[in-house]
Every structure is written in C-alpha cells, then in structure tokens.
N, C-alpha and C. Protein backbone atom coordinates (compact mmCIF):
# COMPACT_ATOMS: atom_id res chain seq x y z
N UNK A 1 114.27 43.94 28.41
CA UNK A 1 113.26 43.64 29.39
C UNK A 1 112.37 42.52 28.85
N UNK A 2 111.88 41.66 29.72
CA UNK A 2 111.02 40.56 29.29
C UNK A 2 109.65 41.10 28.90
N UNK A 3 108.92 40.27 28.18
CA UNK A 3 107.58 40.66 27.72
C UNK A 3 106.65 40.79 28.92
N UNK A 4 105.85 41.83 28.92
CA UNK A 4 104.96 42.11 30.03
C UNK A 4 103.60 41.45 29.83
N UNK A 5 102.95 41.07 30.93
CA UNK A 5 101.58 40.56 30.84
C UNK A 5 100.61 41.70 31.17
N UNK A 6 99.34 41.46 30.95
CA UNK A 6 98.32 42.51 31.13
C UNK A 6 98.28 43.04 32.56
N UNK A 7 98.40 42.16 33.52
CA UNK A 7 98.35 42.58 34.92
C UNK A 7 99.47 43.56 35.24
N UNK A 8 100.67 43.25 34.80
CA UNK A 8 101.81 44.13 35.05
C UNK A 8 101.66 45.45 34.32
N UNK A 9 101.12 45.40 33.09
CA UNK A 9 100.91 46.64 32.33
C UNK A 9 99.91 47.53 33.06
N UNK A 10 98.81 46.94 33.57
CA UNK A 10 97.82 47.73 34.32
C UNK A 10 98.45 48.38 35.54
N UNK A 11 99.36 47.67 36.20
CA UNK A 11 100.04 48.24 37.36
C UNK A 11 100.94 49.41 36.97
N UNK A 12 101.48 49.36 35.76
CA UNK A 12 102.42 50.40 35.32
C UNK A 12 101.74 51.59 34.62
N UNK A 13 100.44 51.49 34.33
CA UNK A 13 99.76 52.57 33.61
C UNK A 13 99.88 53.94 34.29
N UNK A 14 99.66 54.06 35.60
CA UNK A 14 99.80 55.39 36.21
C UNK A 14 101.20 55.98 36.04
N UNK A 15 102.21 55.14 36.15
CA UNK A 15 103.58 55.62 35.98
C UNK A 15 103.87 55.97 34.52
N UNK A 16 103.27 55.22 33.60
CA UNK A 16 103.44 55.52 32.17
C UNK A 16 102.79 56.87 31.86
N UNK A 17 101.57 57.05 32.33
CA UNK A 17 100.85 58.31 32.07
C UNK A 17 101.56 59.48 32.73
N UNK A 18 102.14 59.25 33.90
CA UNK A 18 102.87 60.32 34.60
C UNK A 18 104.30 60.47 34.13
N UNK A 19 104.69 59.75 33.09
CA UNK A 19 106.03 59.81 32.52
C UNK A 19 107.11 59.56 33.57
N UNK A 20 106.90 58.50 34.36
CA UNK A 20 107.83 58.18 35.45
C UNK A 20 108.61 56.88 35.19
N UNK A 21 108.42 56.27 34.03
CA UNK A 21 109.12 55.03 33.72
C UNK A 21 110.39 55.30 32.93
N UNK A 22 111.35 54.40 33.06
CA UNK A 22 112.57 54.53 32.26
C UNK A 22 112.23 54.21 30.80
N UNK A 23 113.12 54.51 29.90
CA UNK A 23 112.87 54.37 28.46
C UNK A 23 112.60 52.93 28.05
N UNK A 24 113.33 51.99 28.62
CA UNK A 24 113.15 50.58 28.24
C UNK A 24 111.78 50.08 28.69
N UNK A 25 111.39 50.38 29.92
CA UNK A 25 110.09 49.94 30.42
C UNK A 25 108.97 50.63 29.65
N UNK A 26 109.12 51.92 29.37
CA UNK A 26 108.12 52.65 28.59
C UNK A 26 107.92 51.98 27.24
N UNK A 27 109.01 51.63 26.57
CA UNK A 27 108.92 50.98 25.26
C UNK A 27 108.22 49.63 25.37
N UNK A 28 108.53 48.86 26.40
CA UNK A 28 107.89 47.54 26.58
C UNK A 28 106.41 47.67 26.84
N UNK A 29 106.03 48.62 27.70
CA UNK A 29 104.61 48.81 28.02
C UNK A 29 103.86 49.28 26.78
N UNK A 30 104.42 50.24 26.06
CA UNK A 30 103.75 50.73 24.85
C UNK A 30 103.64 49.63 23.79
N UNK A 31 104.64 48.78 23.67
CA UNK A 31 104.59 47.67 22.71
C UNK A 31 103.47 46.71 23.08
N UNK A 32 103.31 46.42 24.37
CA UNK A 32 102.23 45.54 24.81
C UNK A 32 100.87 46.18 24.52
N UNK A 33 100.74 47.47 24.82
CA UNK A 33 99.47 48.17 24.60
C UNK A 33 99.12 48.17 23.12
N UNK A 34 100.12 48.29 22.27
CA UNK A 34 99.88 48.34 20.82
C UNK A 34 99.27 47.04 20.29
N UNK A 35 99.54 45.90 20.94
CA UNK A 35 99.02 44.64 20.43
C UNK A 35 97.92 44.02 21.30
N UNK A 36 97.52 44.70 22.38
CA UNK A 36 96.52 44.14 23.30
C UNK A 36 95.33 45.09 23.39
N UNK A 37 94.19 44.69 22.85
CA UNK A 37 93.00 45.53 22.81
C UNK A 37 92.51 45.89 24.21
N UNK A 38 92.56 44.92 25.13
CA UNK A 38 92.09 45.17 26.50
C UNK A 38 92.96 46.23 27.19
N UNK A 39 94.26 46.13 27.02
CA UNK A 39 95.17 47.10 27.63
C UNK A 39 95.08 48.47 26.95
N UNK A 40 94.77 48.49 25.64
CA UNK A 40 94.54 49.76 24.95
C UNK A 40 93.37 50.49 25.59
N UNK A 41 92.29 49.75 25.84
CA UNK A 41 91.09 50.34 26.47
C UNK A 41 91.43 50.86 27.86
N UNK A 42 92.14 50.05 28.64
CA UNK A 42 92.52 50.48 29.99
C UNK A 42 93.39 51.73 29.94
N UNK A 43 94.31 51.78 28.98
CA UNK A 43 95.19 52.94 28.85
C UNK A 43 94.39 54.20 28.48
N UNK A 44 93.44 54.05 27.57
CA UNK A 44 92.61 55.20 27.17
C UNK A 44 91.79 55.73 28.35
N UNK A 45 91.19 54.83 29.10
CA UNK A 45 90.39 55.25 30.26
C UNK A 45 91.27 55.92 31.30
N UNK A 46 92.41 55.30 31.60
CA UNK A 46 93.32 55.86 32.60
C UNK A 46 93.85 57.23 32.15
N UNK A 47 94.11 57.38 30.87
CA UNK A 47 94.60 58.66 30.36
C UNK A 47 93.53 59.74 30.49
N UNK A 48 92.29 59.39 30.18
CA UNK A 48 91.19 60.36 30.31
C UNK A 48 90.98 60.77 31.76
N UNK A 49 91.01 59.80 32.65
CA UNK A 49 90.82 60.11 34.07
C UNK A 49 91.96 61.00 34.57
N UNK A 50 93.19 60.65 34.21
CA UNK A 50 94.34 61.45 34.64
C UNK A 50 94.31 62.85 34.04
N UNK A 51 93.77 62.99 32.84
CA UNK A 51 93.74 64.28 32.17
C UNK A 51 92.61 65.18 32.62
N UNK A 52 91.61 64.63 33.26
CA UNK A 52 90.47 65.45 33.69
C UNK A 52 90.77 66.10 35.04
N UNK A 53 90.25 67.26 35.20
CA UNK A 53 90.42 68.01 36.45
C UNK A 53 89.05 68.16 37.08
N UNK A 54 88.96 67.73 38.32
CA UNK A 54 87.70 67.84 39.03
C UNK A 54 87.74 69.06 39.93
N UNK A 55 86.64 69.78 39.93
CA UNK A 55 86.55 70.95 40.80
C UNK A 55 85.87 70.55 42.10
N UNK A 56 86.49 70.94 43.18
CA UNK A 56 85.92 70.66 44.49
C UNK A 56 84.90 71.76 44.77
N UNK A 57 83.68 71.39 45.14
CA UNK A 57 82.67 72.41 45.43
C UNK A 57 83.15 73.37 46.52
N UNK A 58 82.79 74.64 46.34
CA UNK A 58 83.18 75.67 47.30
C UNK A 58 82.62 75.32 48.68
N UNK A 59 83.45 75.42 49.69
CA UNK A 59 83.03 75.19 51.07
C UNK A 59 82.93 73.73 51.48
N UNK A 60 83.32 72.80 50.60
CA UNK A 60 83.22 71.38 50.94
C UNK A 60 84.05 71.04 52.17
N UNK A 61 85.27 71.54 52.22
CA UNK A 61 86.14 71.23 53.35
C UNK A 61 85.50 71.70 54.67
N UNK A 62 84.95 72.90 54.68
CA UNK A 62 84.32 73.42 55.90
C UNK A 62 83.09 72.60 56.28
N UNK A 63 82.32 72.14 55.28
CA UNK A 63 81.13 71.33 55.59
C UNK A 63 81.52 69.98 56.16
N UNK A 64 82.58 69.39 55.64
CA UNK A 64 83.04 68.09 56.14
C UNK A 64 83.54 68.23 57.58
N UNK A 65 84.31 69.28 57.84
CA UNK A 65 84.83 69.50 59.19
C UNK A 65 83.68 69.77 60.15
N UNK A 66 82.71 70.59 59.74
CA UNK A 66 81.57 70.88 60.61
C UNK A 66 80.75 69.63 60.89
N UNK A 67 80.59 68.77 59.91
CA UNK A 67 79.82 67.53 60.11
C UNK A 67 80.54 66.56 61.03
N UNK A 68 81.86 66.62 61.05
CA UNK A 68 82.62 65.66 61.87
C UNK A 68 82.83 66.14 63.30
N UNK A 69 82.60 67.42 63.57
CA UNK A 69 82.79 67.94 64.92
C UNK A 69 81.77 67.30 65.85
N UNK A 70 82.25 66.85 66.97
CA UNK A 70 81.36 66.25 67.95
C UNK A 70 81.16 64.75 67.78
N UNK A 71 81.58 64.21 66.66
CA UNK A 71 81.47 62.76 66.47
C UNK A 71 82.71 62.10 67.03
N UNK A 72 82.47 61.03 67.73
CA UNK A 72 83.60 60.26 68.28
C UNK A 72 83.55 58.86 67.74
N UNK A 73 84.66 58.44 67.26
CA UNK A 73 84.76 57.06 66.79
C UNK A 73 85.20 56.16 67.93
N UNK A 74 85.20 54.89 67.67
CA UNK A 74 85.64 53.91 68.66
C UNK A 74 87.13 54.10 68.91
N UNK A 75 87.51 54.16 70.16
CA UNK A 75 88.92 54.31 70.50
C UNK A 75 89.37 53.16 71.38
N UNK A 76 90.57 52.68 71.10
CA UNK A 76 91.14 51.61 71.91
C UNK A 76 91.83 52.24 73.11
N UNK A 77 91.14 52.25 74.24
CA UNK A 77 91.76 52.74 75.46
C UNK A 77 92.56 51.60 76.08
N UNK A 78 93.36 51.93 77.06
CA UNK A 78 94.18 50.91 77.71
C UNK A 78 93.30 49.83 78.35
N UNK A 79 92.17 50.22 78.94
CA UNK A 79 91.27 49.26 79.56
C UNK A 79 90.62 48.34 78.53
N UNK A 80 90.21 48.89 77.41
CA UNK A 80 89.61 48.07 76.35
C UNK A 80 90.64 47.12 75.76
N UNK A 81 91.87 47.61 75.61
CA UNK A 81 92.93 46.78 75.06
C UNK A 81 93.22 45.63 76.02
N UNK A 82 93.26 45.92 77.32
CA UNK A 82 93.52 44.87 78.31
C UNK A 82 92.39 43.85 78.31
N UNK A 83 91.15 44.31 78.19
CA UNK A 83 90.01 43.39 78.15
C UNK A 83 90.07 42.51 76.91
N UNK A 84 90.40 43.09 75.77
CA UNK A 84 90.49 42.32 74.53
C UNK A 84 91.62 41.29 74.63
N UNK A 85 92.75 41.69 75.21
CA UNK A 85 93.87 40.76 75.36
C UNK A 85 93.51 39.63 76.32
N UNK A 86 92.79 39.95 77.39
CA UNK A 86 92.37 38.93 78.36
C UNK A 86 91.44 37.92 77.70
N UNK A 87 90.51 38.41 76.92
CA UNK A 87 89.58 37.52 76.22
C UNK A 87 90.34 36.64 75.23
N UNK A 88 91.26 37.24 74.50
CA UNK A 88 92.04 36.47 73.52
C UNK A 88 92.85 35.37 74.21
N UNK A 89 93.48 35.70 75.32
CA UNK A 89 94.28 34.71 76.06
C UNK A 89 93.36 33.60 76.59
N UNK A 90 92.19 33.98 77.10
CA UNK A 90 91.25 32.99 77.63
C UNK A 90 90.77 32.05 76.53
N UNK A 91 90.44 32.61 75.36
CA UNK A 91 89.97 31.77 74.25
C UNK A 91 91.06 30.84 73.77
N UNK A 92 92.26 31.39 73.57
CA UNK A 92 93.37 30.57 73.08
C UNK A 92 93.76 29.52 74.12
N UNK A 93 93.89 29.94 75.37
CA UNK A 93 94.24 29.00 76.43
C UNK A 93 93.17 27.95 76.63
N UNK A 94 91.91 28.38 76.60
CA UNK A 94 90.81 27.43 76.77
C UNK A 94 90.74 26.42 75.64
N UNK A 95 90.94 26.88 74.42
CA UNK A 95 90.89 25.95 73.29
C UNK A 95 92.08 24.99 73.32
N UNK A 96 93.24 25.46 73.77
CA UNK A 96 94.39 24.60 73.90
C UNK A 96 94.15 23.54 74.98
N UNK A 97 93.64 23.98 76.12
CA UNK A 97 93.34 23.04 77.20
C UNK A 97 92.28 22.03 76.77
N UNK A 98 91.23 22.52 76.12
CA UNK A 98 90.14 21.65 75.69
C UNK A 98 90.64 20.64 74.66
N UNK A 99 91.48 21.08 73.73
CA UNK A 99 91.97 20.15 72.72
C UNK A 99 92.84 19.06 73.34
N UNK A 100 93.53 19.36 74.43
CA UNK A 100 94.34 18.35 75.11
C UNK A 100 93.48 17.38 75.90
N UNK A 101 92.29 17.79 76.28
CA UNK A 101 91.40 16.94 77.06
C UNK A 101 90.60 15.99 76.17
N UNK A 102 90.54 16.26 74.89
CA UNK A 102 89.77 15.40 73.99
C UNK A 102 90.45 14.04 73.84
N UNK A 103 89.65 12.98 73.69
CA UNK A 103 90.24 11.65 73.53
C UNK A 103 91.06 11.58 72.23
N UNK A 104 92.16 10.83 72.30
CA UNK A 104 92.99 10.64 71.12
C UNK A 104 94.01 11.74 70.90
N UNK A 105 94.04 12.71 71.79
CA UNK A 105 95.01 13.80 71.65
C UNK A 105 96.36 13.33 72.19
N UNK A 106 97.40 13.56 71.43
CA UNK A 106 98.74 13.16 71.86
C UNK A 106 99.13 13.95 73.09
N UNK A 107 99.73 13.28 74.06
CA UNK A 107 100.14 13.97 75.28
C UNK A 107 101.40 14.77 75.08
N UNK A 108 102.24 14.35 74.18
CA UNK A 108 103.47 15.06 73.90
C UNK A 108 103.34 15.78 72.56
N UNK A 109 103.53 17.06 72.59
CA UNK A 109 103.48 17.85 71.36
C UNK A 109 104.88 18.38 71.11
N UNK A 110 105.41 18.08 69.97
CA UNK A 110 106.74 18.56 69.63
C UNK A 110 106.69 20.05 69.38
N UNK A 111 107.58 20.81 69.99
CA UNK A 111 107.57 22.27 69.75
C UNK A 111 107.97 22.58 68.32
N UNK A 112 107.39 23.66 67.82
CA UNK A 112 107.73 24.13 66.48
C UNK A 112 109.09 24.80 66.57
N UNK A 113 110.04 24.37 65.75
CA UNK A 113 111.37 24.99 65.84
C UNK A 113 111.30 26.46 65.47
N UNK A 114 111.95 27.27 66.28
CA UNK A 114 111.97 28.71 66.03
C UNK A 114 112.91 28.98 64.87
N UNK A 115 112.45 29.80 63.94
CA UNK A 115 113.30 30.16 62.81
C UNK A 115 114.25 31.27 63.23
N UNK A 116 115.23 31.52 62.41
CA UNK A 116 116.18 32.59 62.71
C UNK A 116 115.48 33.93 62.82
N UNK A 117 114.49 34.16 61.90
CA UNK A 117 113.80 35.45 61.89
C UNK A 117 112.94 35.62 63.12
N UNK A 118 112.37 34.53 63.65
CA UNK A 118 111.55 34.64 64.85
C UNK A 118 112.42 34.89 66.07
N UNK A 119 113.63 34.32 66.08
CA UNK A 119 114.51 34.49 67.23
C UNK A 119 115.09 35.90 67.26
N UNK A 120 115.35 36.46 66.10
CA UNK A 120 115.88 37.82 66.03
C UNK A 120 115.02 38.63 65.07
N UNK A 121 113.92 39.21 65.58
CA UNK A 121 113.04 39.97 64.71
C UNK A 121 113.75 41.13 64.05
N UNK A 122 113.36 41.44 62.84
CA UNK A 122 113.98 42.53 62.10
C UNK A 122 113.75 43.85 62.82
N UNK A 123 114.78 44.63 62.94
CA UNK A 123 114.74 45.96 63.54
C UNK A 123 114.16 45.94 64.95
N UNK A 124 114.32 44.85 65.69
CA UNK A 124 113.85 44.80 67.06
C UNK A 124 112.34 44.79 67.19
N UNK A 125 111.63 44.29 66.21
CA UNK A 125 110.17 44.32 66.22
C UNK A 125 109.63 42.90 66.28
N UNK A 126 108.69 42.67 67.14
CA UNK A 126 108.01 41.38 67.20
C UNK A 126 106.53 41.63 67.01
N UNK A 127 105.92 40.89 66.13
CA UNK A 127 104.50 41.04 65.89
C UNK A 127 103.73 39.89 66.52
N UNK A 128 102.42 39.98 66.47
CA UNK A 128 101.58 38.93 67.02
C UNK A 128 101.88 37.61 66.34
N UNK A 129 102.05 37.64 65.02
CA UNK A 129 102.36 36.40 64.30
C UNK A 129 103.68 35.81 64.75
N UNK A 130 104.68 36.69 65.02
CA UNK A 130 105.97 36.21 65.47
C UNK A 130 105.84 35.47 66.80
N UNK A 131 104.98 35.96 67.68
CA UNK A 131 104.82 35.35 68.99
C UNK A 131 104.26 33.95 68.88
N UNK A 132 103.34 33.73 67.98
CA UNK A 132 102.69 32.44 67.88
C UNK A 132 103.39 31.47 66.94
N UNK A 133 104.28 31.96 66.09
CA UNK A 133 105.01 31.06 65.19
C UNK A 133 106.43 30.82 65.65
N UNK A 134 106.80 31.40 66.77
CA UNK A 134 108.17 31.26 67.24
C UNK A 134 108.39 30.00 68.05
N UNK A 135 107.35 29.18 68.20
CA UNK A 135 107.51 27.95 68.96
C UNK A 135 107.01 28.08 70.38
N UNK A 136 106.62 29.28 70.81
CA UNK A 136 106.08 29.44 72.15
C UNK A 136 104.62 29.05 72.14
N UNK A 137 104.16 28.42 73.22
CA UNK A 137 102.80 27.93 73.24
C UNK A 137 101.83 28.90 73.89
N UNK A 138 102.31 29.88 74.65
CA UNK A 138 101.41 30.84 75.27
C UNK A 138 102.17 32.13 75.57
N UNK A 139 101.42 33.14 75.99
CA UNK A 139 102.06 34.41 76.31
C UNK A 139 103.02 34.28 77.49
N UNK A 140 102.76 33.34 78.37
CA UNK A 140 103.64 33.16 79.53
C UNK A 140 105.01 32.64 79.12
N UNK A 141 105.13 32.08 77.92
CA UNK A 141 106.41 31.58 77.44
C UNK A 141 107.25 32.66 76.78
N UNK A 142 106.67 33.86 76.56
CA UNK A 142 107.42 34.95 75.94
C UNK A 142 108.31 35.62 76.97
N UNK A 143 109.39 36.20 76.52
CA UNK A 143 110.27 36.94 77.42
C UNK A 143 109.62 38.28 77.74
N UNK A 144 110.12 38.94 78.77
CA UNK A 144 109.60 40.25 79.16
C UNK A 144 109.75 41.23 78.00
N UNK A 145 110.90 41.18 77.32
CA UNK A 145 111.13 42.08 76.18
C UNK A 145 110.12 41.84 75.07
N UNK A 146 109.84 40.55 74.76
CA UNK A 146 108.87 40.23 73.71
C UNK A 146 107.47 40.69 74.10
N UNK A 147 107.11 40.53 75.38
CA UNK A 147 105.80 40.99 75.85
C UNK A 147 105.68 42.51 75.76
N UNK A 148 106.75 43.22 76.13
CA UNK A 148 106.73 44.68 76.04
C UNK A 148 106.58 45.14 74.59
N UNK A 149 107.28 44.49 73.67
CA UNK A 149 107.18 44.84 72.26
C UNK A 149 105.77 44.55 71.76
N UNK A 150 105.19 43.44 72.19
CA UNK A 150 103.83 43.08 71.78
C UNK A 150 102.83 44.11 72.30
N UNK A 151 102.99 44.55 73.53
CA UNK A 151 102.11 45.57 74.10
C UNK A 151 102.25 46.89 73.36
N UNK A 152 103.50 47.28 73.02
CA UNK A 152 103.70 48.53 72.28
C UNK A 152 103.01 48.44 70.91
N UNK A 153 103.10 47.27 70.29
CA UNK A 153 102.45 47.08 68.99
C UNK A 153 100.94 47.22 69.11
N UNK A 154 100.38 46.67 70.17
CA UNK A 154 98.93 46.73 70.35
C UNK A 154 98.46 48.14 70.68
N UNK A 155 99.30 48.94 71.34
CA UNK A 155 98.93 50.30 71.69
C UNK A 155 99.02 51.25 70.51
N UNK A 156 99.85 50.95 69.53
CA UNK A 156 100.01 51.89 68.41
C UNK A 156 98.96 51.68 67.38
C-alpha cells in the first residue's frame, strides 16, 4: 500500500479503532501514526472518545417526544411546490429574456451539446442539474417523461 497522508489517516481512524481495516491498511495507518505527532494526538483523542460510554439521562427520550408534540415544521405541500416552481421558472425565463434584450447580446446562441449521461440518465433518474445541463434552454424543451421525473424528484 502507498504511504498515507494525515488527511487519509484521520478518515481511517474510526475504522482502525473499530478493528475494521485489513491487515495491510492497519499496518500502514499505524506506521504513519508512529512517525506523525499530529496523527498520534488525533488517534489518542479518538480512542478515548470511542472508549468512553455516555449515560443518557433517565426519561430524556420521553421529554424530547413531549417537547416535540404539537410542533409543526415547514412542509412542502403541492401548492407550495407549484408556487416555488412557478417563481423559479419566472426568474429563469425573465433573466434569459432580459439578457437577450441587452445590447451586444448575440442573437444566435449555440446549444450546449448533450452528453451521453444527460441523454440517458443513470437508473432512469433525471435531476434538476441534468435538466439544465442537457442542452435544453427551458422547462418547455423537456420531454413529458423528463418533466414527470423532475416533479417526482421535487415531491420526494
């Protein structure tokens, strides 16, 4: 295995402490810790934290549940989602229209070529980024299937 840097060793500390690394990686991490004072300190702190057991105060779970009863957080209802989508389309469309009206703006804009991944999203999934990087200039240019996938993504 190649020599590890401090960042990688810090990432591997929980697995080292939990004895979840293979023998070669364990040896490499321990060798790095042996010669790096900063990583030795991090390892000692992580080991102490992992070794300590914290007691949860009696009744804490019931108090948390009782305090949360009756509180409602913000929820994305279908109406709120539609309003947010309408505003987003208006802002994007308005800024596109306005940028075309400014002096010196090219009248012909070459479309961004769609990549293979944008044309065939992985596992049938299209994200917001896929819609805007696929070469389409607005939501009206998306297919019905792409719009349905985008709506399902926004609802989840």
